[in-house]
C-alpha atoms as a PDB file:
ATOM      1  CA  MET A   1    -114.801  47.000  19.642  1.00  0.00           C
ATOM      2  CA  MET A   2    -112.379  49.265  21.514  1.00  0.00           C
ATOM      3  CA  LYS A   3    -111.963  46.559  24.185  1.00  0.00           C
ATOM      4  CA  ASN A   4    -110.895  44.008  21.576  1.00  0.00           C
ATOM      5  CA  ILE A   5    -108.326  46.417  20.094  1.00  0.00           C
ATOM      6  CA  TRP A   6    -106.866  47.051  23.553  1.00  0.00           C
ATOM      7  CA  ILE A   7    -106.545  43.280  24.206  1.00  0.00           C
ATOM      8  CA  VAL A   8    -104.747  42.714  20.846  1.00  0.00           C
ATOM      9  CA  SER A   9    -102.383  45.626  21.553  1.00  0.00           C
ATOM     10  CA  LEU A  10    -101.564  44.190  25.002  1.00  0.00           C
ATOM     11  CA  MET A  11    -100.800  40.748  23.487  1.00  0.00           C
ATOM     12  CA  VAL A  12     -98.417  42.294  20.930  1.00  0.00           C
ATOM     13  CA  LEU A  13     -96.664  44.241  23.698  1.00  0.00           C
ATOM     14  CA  LEU A  14     -96.270  41.128  25.835  1.00  0.00           C
ATOM     15  CA  SER A  15     -94.997  39.149  22.834  1.00  0.00           C
ATOM     16  CA  ALA A  16     -92.374  41.834  22.108  1.00  0.00           C
ATOM     17  CA  CYS A  17     -91.242  41.768  25.724  1.00  0.00           C
ATOM     18  CA  MET A  18     -90.625  38.011  25.461  1.00  0.00           C
ATOM     19  CA  GLU A  19     -88.399  38.275  22.357  1.00  0.00           C
ATOM     20  CA  LYS A  20     -84.729  37.420  22.789  1.00  0.00           C
ATOM     21  CA  ALA A  21     -82.113  40.110  22.537  1.00  0.00           C
ATOM     22  CA  VAL A  22     -78.739  39.492  20.896  1.00  0.00           C
ATOM     23  CA  LEU A  23     -75.402  40.847  22.133  1.00  0.00           C
ATOM     24  CA  GLN A  24     -71.991  40.511  20.511  1.00  0.00           C
ATOM     25  CA  THR A  25     -68.679  40.849  22.349  1.00  0.00           C
ATOM     26  CA  GLN A  26     -65.010  40.513  21.421  1.00  0.00           C
ATOM     27  CA  ALA A  27     -62.048  39.877  23.671  1.00  0.00           C
ATOM     28  CA  SER A  28     -58.470  38.691  23.297  1.00  0.00           C
ATOM     29  CA  ALA A  29     -55.714  37.276  25.464  1.00  0.00           C
ATOM     30  CA  GLN A  30     -51.971  37.136  24.904  1.00  0.00           C
ATOM     31  CA  ALA A  31     -49.050  35.324  26.505  1.00  0.00           C
ATOM     32  CA  GLU A  32     -45.325  34.833  26.097  1.00  0.00           C
ATOM     33  CA  VAL A  33     -44.670  31.119  25.601  1.00  0.00           C
ATOM     34  CA  GLN A  34     -41.359  29.477  26.447  1.00  0.00           C
ATOM     35  CA  ALA A  35     -39.436  28.572  23.277  1.00  0.00           C
ATOM     36  CA  ASN A  36     -38.282  25.084  24.204  1.00  0.00           C
ATOM     37  CA  GLU A  37     -37.673  23.274  20.910  1.00  0.00           C
ATOM     38  CA  TYR A  38     -34.479  23.687  18.882  1.00  0.00           C
ATOM     39  CA  GLN A  39     -33.417  22.759  15.367  1.00  0.00           C
ATOM     40  CA  VAL A  40     -29.740  22.599  14.370  1.00  0.00           C
ATOM     41  CA  PHE A  41     -28.119  22.243  10.946  1.00  0.00           C
ATOM     42  CA  ILE A  42     -24.840  20.403  10.318  1.00  0.00           C
ATOM     43  CA  ASN A  43     -23.077  20.590   6.952  1.00  0.00           C
ATOM     44  CA  PHE A  44     -20.180  18.325   5.973  1.00  0.00           C
ATOM     45  CA  LYS A  45     -17.999  19.110   2.977  1.00  0.00           C
ATOM     46  CA  GLN A  46     -14.972  17.429   1.387  1.00  0.00           C
ATOM     47  CA  GLN A  47     -12.861  18.116  -1.698  1.00  0.00           C
ATOM     48  CA  ASP A  48     -10.574  15.781  -3.680  1.00  0.00           C
ATOM     49  CA  LYS A  49      -9.310  15.261  -7.194  1.00  0.00           C
ATOM     50  CA  ASP A  50     -10.413  11.632  -7.170  1.00  0.00           C
ATOM     51  CA  GLN A  51     -14.148  10.961  -6.870  1.00  0.00           C
ATOM     52  CA  GLU A  52     -13.738   7.544  -5.282  1.00  0.00           C
ATOM     53  CA  SER A  53     -11.383   8.888  -2.636  1.00  0.00           C
ATOM     54  CA  LEU A  54     -13.724  11.826  -2.104  1.00  0.00           C
ATOM     55  CA  MET A  55     -16.745   9.603  -1.445  1.00  0.00           C
ATOM     56  CA  LEU A  56     -14.790   7.517   1.045  1.00  0.00           C
ATOM     57  CA  LYS A  57     -13.810  10.669   2.947  1.00  0.00           C
ATOM     58  CA  ILE A  58     -17.339  12.036   3.242  1.00  0.00           C
ATOM     59  CA  GLU A  59     -18.766   8.612   4.084  1.00  0.00           C
ATOM     60  CA  GLY A  60     -16.294   8.090   6.905  1.00  0.00           C
ATOM     61  CA  GLN A  61     -16.970  11.547   8.319  1.00  0.00           C
ATOM     62  CA  THR A  62     -20.768  11.373   8.185  1.00  0.00           C
ATOM     63  CA  THR A  63     -20.977   7.755   9.348  1.00  0.00           C
ATOM     64  CA  GLU A  64     -19.230   8.679  12.579  1.00  0.00           C
ATOM     65  CA  PHE A  65     -21.637  11.577  13.147  1.00  0.00           C
ATOM     66  CA  VAL A  66     -24.765   9.520  12.344  1.00  0.00           C
ATOM     67  CA  LYS A  67     -23.645   6.696  14.654  1.00  0.00           C
ATOM     68  CA  TRP A  68     -23.179   9.138  17.538  1.00  0.00           C
ATOM     69  CA  SER A  69     -26.480  10.925  16.840  1.00  0.00           C
ATOM     70  CA  LYS A  70     -28.478   7.694  16.898  1.00  0.00           C
ATOM     71  CA  LYS A  71     -27.164   6.960  20.379  1.00  0.00           C
ATOM     72  CA  GLN A  72     -28.156  10.406  21.680  1.00  0.00           C
ATOM     73  CA  PHE A  73     -31.407  11.160  19.831  1.00  0.00           C
ATOM     74  CA  THR A  74     -34.435   9.407  18.355  1.00  0.00           C
ATOM     75  CA  PRO A  75     -34.419   8.320  14.671  1.00  0.00           C
ATOM     76  CA  GLU A  76     -37.131  10.900  13.927  1.00  0.00           C
ATOM     77  CA  GLN A  77     -34.961  13.772  15.138  1.00  0.00           C
ATOM     78  CA  LEU A  78     -32.121  13.139  12.667  1.00  0.00           C
ATOM     79  CA  VAL A  79     -32.962  14.227   9.123  1.00  0.00           C
ATOM     80  CA  GLY A  80     -30.476  13.727   6.294  1.00  0.00           C
ATOM     81  CA  GLU A  81     -30.712  15.767   3.111  1.00  0.00           C
ATOM     82  CA  ASP A  82     -29.510  14.826  -0.384  1.00  0.00           C
ATOM     83  CA  MET A  83     -25.780  14.587  -0.961  1.00  0.00           C
ATOM     84  CA  ARG A  84     -24.441  17.067  -3.527  1.00  0.00           C
ATOM     85  CA  LEU A  85     -21.464  16.365  -5.782  1.00  0.00           C
ATOM     86  CA  GLN A  86     -20.107  19.074  -8.072  1.00  0.00           C
ATOM     87  CA  PRO A  87     -16.932  19.803 -10.051  1.00  0.00           C
ATOM     88  CA  VAL A  88     -14.541  22.572  -9.017  1.00  0.00           C
ATOM     89  CA  TYR A  89     -13.021  24.653 -11.805  1.00  0.00           C
ATOM     90  CA  GLU A  90     -10.246  27.182 -12.105  1.00  0.00           C
ATOM     91  CA  TYR A  91     -10.461  29.986 -14.650  1.00  0.00           C
ATOM     92  CA  PRO A  92      -6.947  30.983 -15.809  1.00  0.00           C
ATOM     93  CA  LYS A  93      -6.713  34.300 -17.582  1.00  0.00           C
ATOM     94  CA  HIS A  94      -7.197  33.980 -21.349  1.00  0.00           C
ATOM     95  CA  GLN A  95      -7.575  30.195 -21.054  1.00  0.00           C
ATOM     96  CA  ALA A  96     -10.402  27.712 -20.941  1.00  0.00           C
ATOM     97  CA  ARG A  97     -11.589  26.682 -17.520  1.00  0.00           C
ATOM     98  CA  GLN A  98      -9.801  23.751 -15.946  1.00  0.00           C
ATOM     99  CA  LEU A  99     -11.267  20.996 -13.784  1.00  0.00           C
ATOM    100  CA  VAL A 100      -9.129  20.840 -10.647  1.00  0.00           C
ATOM    101  CA  SER A 101     -11.153  18.711  -8.233  1.00  0.00           C
ATOM    102  CA  PHE A 102     -14.557  17.576  -7.042  1.00  0.00           C
ATOM    103  CA  GLU A 103     -16.523  18.754  -4.022  1.00  0.00           C
ATOM    104  CA  VAL A 104     -19.190  16.836  -2.130  1.00  0.00           C
ATOM    105  CA  SER A 105     -21.451  18.119   0.647  1.00  0.00           C
ATOM    106  CA  GLN A 106     -23.900  16.376   2.953  1.00  0.00           C
ATOM    107  CA  ARG A 107     -26.318  18.312   5.165  1.00  0.00           C
ATOM    108  CA  PHE A 108     -28.171  17.051   8.262  1.00  0.00           C
ATOM    109  CA  ARG A 109     -30.767  18.559  10.564  1.00  0.00           C
ATOM    110  CA  LEU A 110     -31.510  17.603  14.153  1.00  0.00           C
ATOM    111  CA  THR A 111     -35.028  18.671  15.064  1.00  0.00           C
ATOM    112  CA  GLY A 112     -37.229  18.729  18.168  1.00  0.00           C
ATOM    113  CA  LEU A 113     -34.315  19.116  20.577  1.00  0.00           C
ATOM    114  CA  ASN A 114     -34.897  20.217  24.134  1.00  0.00           C
ATOM    115  CA  PHE A 115     -32.478  22.658  25.748  1.00  0.00           C
ATOM    116  CA  GLU A 116     -30.308  19.931  27.301  1.00  0.00           C
ATOM    117  CA  GLN A 117     -30.044  18.038  23.994  1.00  0.00           C
ATOM    118  CA  TYR A 118     -29.236  21.263  22.173  1.00  0.00           C
ATOM    119  CA  ASN A 119     -26.378  22.138  24.528  1.00  0.00           C
ATOM    120  CA  LEU A 120     -25.001  18.585  24.350  1.00  0.00           C
ATOM    121  CA  LEU A 121     -25.023  18.680  20.563  1.00  0.00           C
ATOM    122  CA  MET A 122     -23.357  22.086  20.310  1.00  0.00           C
ATOM    123  CA  LYS A 123     -20.560  20.966  22.624  1.00  0.00           C
ATOM    124  CA  GLU A 124     -19.867  17.790  20.629  1.00  0.00           C
ATOM    125  CA  LEU A 125     -20.264  19.049  17.053  1.00  0.00           C
ATOM    126  CA  ALA A 126     -16.759  20.500  16.814  1.00  0.00           C
ATOM    127  CA  THR A 127     -15.275  17.011  17.229  1.00  0.00           C
ATOM    128  CA  PHE A 128     -16.861  15.859  13.959  1.00  0.00           C
ATOM    129  CA  LYS A 129     -15.096  18.600  11.973  1.00  0.00           C
ATOM    130  CA  ALA A 130     -18.184  19.699  10.087  1.00  0.00           C
ATOM    131  CA  GLU A 131     -17.717  22.479   7.535  1.00  0.00           C
ATOM    132  CA  SER A 132     -20.432  24.511   9.270  1.00  0.00           C
ATOM    133  CA  PHE A 133     -23.133  24.068  11.888  1.00  0.00           C
ATOM    134  CA  GLY A 134     -25.401  26.181  14.035  1.00  0.00           C
ATOM    135  CA  LEU A 135     -28.835  26.981  15.349  1.00  0.00           C
ATOM    136  CA  HIS A 136     -31.386  27.107  12.550  1.00  0.00           C
ATOM    137  CA  LEU A 137     -34.660  27.538  14.403  1.00  0.00           C
ATOM    138  CA  VAL A 138     -35.982  27.801  17.952  1.00  0.00           C
ATOM    139  CA  GLN A 139     -39.669  27.750  18.787  1.00  0.00           C
ATOM    140  CA  ALA A 140     -42.248  26.594  21.317  1.00  0.00           C
ATOM    141  CA  SER A 141     -43.209  22.954  20.965  1.00  0.00           C
ATOM    142  CA  GLN A 142     -46.702  22.123  19.718  1.00  0.00           C
ATOM    143  CA  GLU A 143     -47.623  20.672  23.114  1.00  0.00           C
ATOM    144  CA  THR A 144     -46.571  23.899  24.850  1.00  0.00           C
ATOM    145  CA  LEU A 145     -48.546  26.008  22.368  1.00  0.00           C
ATOM    146  CA  ASN A 146     -51.646  23.837  22.756  1.00  0.00           C
ATOM    147  CA  ASN A 147     -51.572  24.042  26.555  1.00  0.00           C
ATOM    148  CA  SER A 148     -51.042  27.796  26.431  1.00  0.00           C
ATOM    149  CA  ARG A 149     -53.873  28.241  23.923  1.00  0.00           C
ATOM    150  CA  VAL A 150     -56.372  26.489  26.204  1.00  0.00           C
ATOM    151  CA  LYS A 151     -55.581  28.972  28.975  1.00  0.00           C
ATOM    152  CA  LEU A 152     -55.791  31.940  26.577  1.00  0.00           C
ATOM    153  CA  VAL A 153     -59.224  30.875  25.338  1.00  0.00           C
ATOM    154  CA  GLU A 154     -60.444  30.619  28.928  1.00  0.00           C
ATOM    155  CA  GLU A 155     -59.033  34.052  29.747  1.00  0.00           C
ATOM    156  CA  ALA A 156     -60.563  35.657  26.655  1.00  0.00           C
ATOM    157  CA  PHE A 157     -63.941  34.082  27.428  1.00  0.00           C
ATOM    158  CA  VAL A 158     -63.954  35.498  30.971  1.00  0.00           C
ATOM    159  CA  LYS A 159     -63.242  38.956  29.526  1.00  0.00           C
ATOM    160  CA  SER A 160     -65.973  38.552  26.908  1.00  0.00           C
ATOM    161  CA  GLN A 161     -68.469  37.377  29.542  1.00  0.00           C
ATOM    162  CA  ALA A 162     -67.718  40.416  31.715  1.00  0.00           C
ATOM    163  CA  LYS A 163     -68.404  42.714  28.738  1.00  0.00           C
ATOM    164  CA  ALA A 164     -71.665  40.918  27.983  1.00  0.00           C
ATOM    165  CA  GLU A 165     -72.840  41.177  31.600  1.00  0.00           C
ATOM    166  CA  HIS A 166     -72.044  44.903  31.614  1.00  0.00           C
ATOM    167  CA  LEU A 167     -74.013  45.482  28.390  1.00  0.00           C
ATOM    168  CA  ALA A 168     -76.892  43.373  29.689  1.00  0.00           C
ATOM    169  CA  GLY A 169     -77.027  45.439  32.869  1.00  0.00           C
ATOM    170  CA  LEU A 170     -77.183  48.670  30.893  1.00  0.00           C
ATOM    171  CA  SER A 171     -80.000  47.280  28.708  1.00  0.00           C
ATOM    172  CA  ASN A 172     -81.949  45.596  31.528  1.00  0.00           C
ATOM    173  CA  LEU A 173     -81.415  42.134  30.037  1.00  0.00           C
ATOM    174  CA  CYS A 174     -81.226  38.799  31.866  1.00  0.00           C
ATOM    175  CA  GLU A 175     -80.559  35.095  31.198  1.00  0.00           C
ATOM    176  CA  LEU A 176     -77.356  35.526  29.202  1.00  0.00           C
ATOM    177  CA  ARG A 177     -76.530  32.438  27.163  1.00  0.00           C
ATOM    178  CA  VAL A 178     -73.863  31.723  24.546  1.00  0.00           C
ATOM    179  CA  ALA A 179     -75.457  31.410  21.113  1.00  0.00           C
ATOM    180  CA  ASP A 180     -72.265  31.195  19.069  1.00  0.00           C
ATOM    181  CA  ILE A 181     -68.531  31.486  19.629  1.00  0.00           C
ATOM    182  CA  LYS A 182     -65.639  31.842  17.184  1.00  0.00           C
ATOM    183  CA  GLU A 183     -61.934  31.558  17.963  1.00  0.00           C
ATOM    184  CA  TYR A 184     -59.157  33.266  16.012  1.00  0.00           C
ATOM    185  CA  ASP A 185     -55.415  32.790  16.376  1.00  0.00           C
ATOM    186  CA  GLN A 186     -53.723  36.138  15.977  1.00  0.00           C
ATOM    187  CA  GLY A 187     -50.247  36.479  14.549  1.00  0.00           C
ATOM    188  CA  GLY A 188     -47.535  37.009  17.112  1.00  0.00           C
ATOM    189  CA  VAL A 189     -43.745  37.115  17.032  1.00  0.00           C
ATOM    190  CA  GLN A 190     -42.509  34.346  14.776  1.00  0.00           C
ATOM    191  CA  PRO A 191     -39.769  31.902  15.792  1.00  0.00           C
ATOM    192  CA  ARG A 192     -36.334  33.318  14.970  1.00  0.00           C
ATOM    193  CA  MET A 193     -34.354  31.825  12.095  1.00  0.00           C
ATOM    194  CA  MET A 194     -30.607  31.810  12.686  1.00  0.00           C
ATOM    195  CA  SER A 195     -27.519  30.808  10.776  1.00  0.00           C
ATOM    196  CA  MET A 196     -24.050  30.872  12.272  1.00  0.00           C
ATOM    197  CA  ARG A 197     -20.658  29.213  12.250  1.00  0.00           C
ATOM    198  CA  ALA A 198     -19.891  29.572  15.939  1.00  0.00           C
ATOM    199  CA  LYS A 199     -18.886  26.365  17.689  1.00  0.00           C
ATOM    200  CA  SER A 200     -21.128  27.063  20.664  1.00  0.00           C
ATOM    201  CA  ASP A 201     -23.792  29.671  21.030  1.00  0.00           C
ATOM    202  CA  SER A 202     -26.924  29.164  23.085  1.00  0.00           C
ATOM    203  CA  ASN A 203     -28.164  32.769  22.843  1.00  0.00           C
ATOM    204  CA  ALA A 204     -31.478  31.569  21.479  1.00  0.00           C
ATOM    205  CA  PRO A 205     -34.682  33.584  21.899  1.00  0.00           C
ATOM    206  CA  SER A 206     -36.450  32.234  24.963  1.00  0.00           C
ATOM    207  CA  LYS A 207     -39.993  33.479  24.333  1.00  0.00           C
ATOM    208  CA  GLN A 208     -42.587  33.240  21.587  1.00  0.00           C
ATOM    209  CA  SER A 209     -45.693  35.411  21.460  1.00  0.00           C
ATOM    210  CA  GLN A 210     -49.116  33.781  21.210  1.00  0.00           C
ATOM    211  CA  SER A 211     -52.552  35.412  21.201  1.00  0.00           C
ATOM    212  CA  VAL A 212     -56.193  34.379  20.755  1.00  0.00           C
ATOM    213  CA  ARG A 213     -59.280  36.471  19.956  1.00  0.00           C
ATOM    214  CA  LEU A 214     -62.875  35.397  20.641  1.00  0.00           C
ATOM    215  CA  GLU A 215     -66.081  36.656  19.086  1.00  0.00           C
ATOM    216  CA  VAL A 216     -69.094  35.617  21.146  1.00  0.00           C
ATOM    217  CA  ILE A 217     -72.800  35.982  20.318  1.00  0.00           C
ATOM    218  CA  TRP A 218     -75.019  36.045  23.399  1.00  0.00           C
ATOM    219  CA  SER A 219     -78.772  35.662  23.677  1.00  0.00           C
ATOM    220  CA  ALA A 220     -80.703  37.354  26.484  1.00  0.00           C
ATOM    221  CA  LYS A 221     -84.241  38.195  27.564  1.00  0.00           C
ATOM    222  CA  PRO A 222     -85.662  41.379  29.034  1.00  0.00           C
ATOM    223  CA  CYS A 223     -85.658  41.182  32.816  1.00  0.00           C
END
């Protein structure tokens, strides 16, 4: 009877030794990504007492700009927004307001510009006599972010693996294998929004922060 109990106890002990252990590690990686994509706004504005004359003015001005832009950039890069027409009033003291003229504005955006295209545009914009223009946004392109993210995931995984191997060594565990892995994009420095009237200003932020965090579940067996 005692022999049978000893055999059962030994089997349970051996079974427990064969059970898998679970380890969890976290690691992150961060990089400064080159901000290489620019977005510029251009706003045209005209004022006239006669609406027909006013529309001819704004059409002539914007047509010239659009024609030039289509030669320099792709159709997808030039985005035109709705034209706005509004009356302009004067408010004499102790009198009813008086309609004095009409004002029309047309806004454009050029998006996805590289640095060379951005500089070319900023040099030429003054010739079109826009009411205002400037850098609206600069950020890393999606392709640049994707390539950087792949490298960050690899870096974070190497760090996480090193932590798991250290823990396994302390616990006398072997045969480390990835059971589950989760990736998280952590918030970094956002692209800078800018608005200015300067005729040329390329003092755009040149870097954008990007970071990735990994949570890895490892399985292991007692050595």
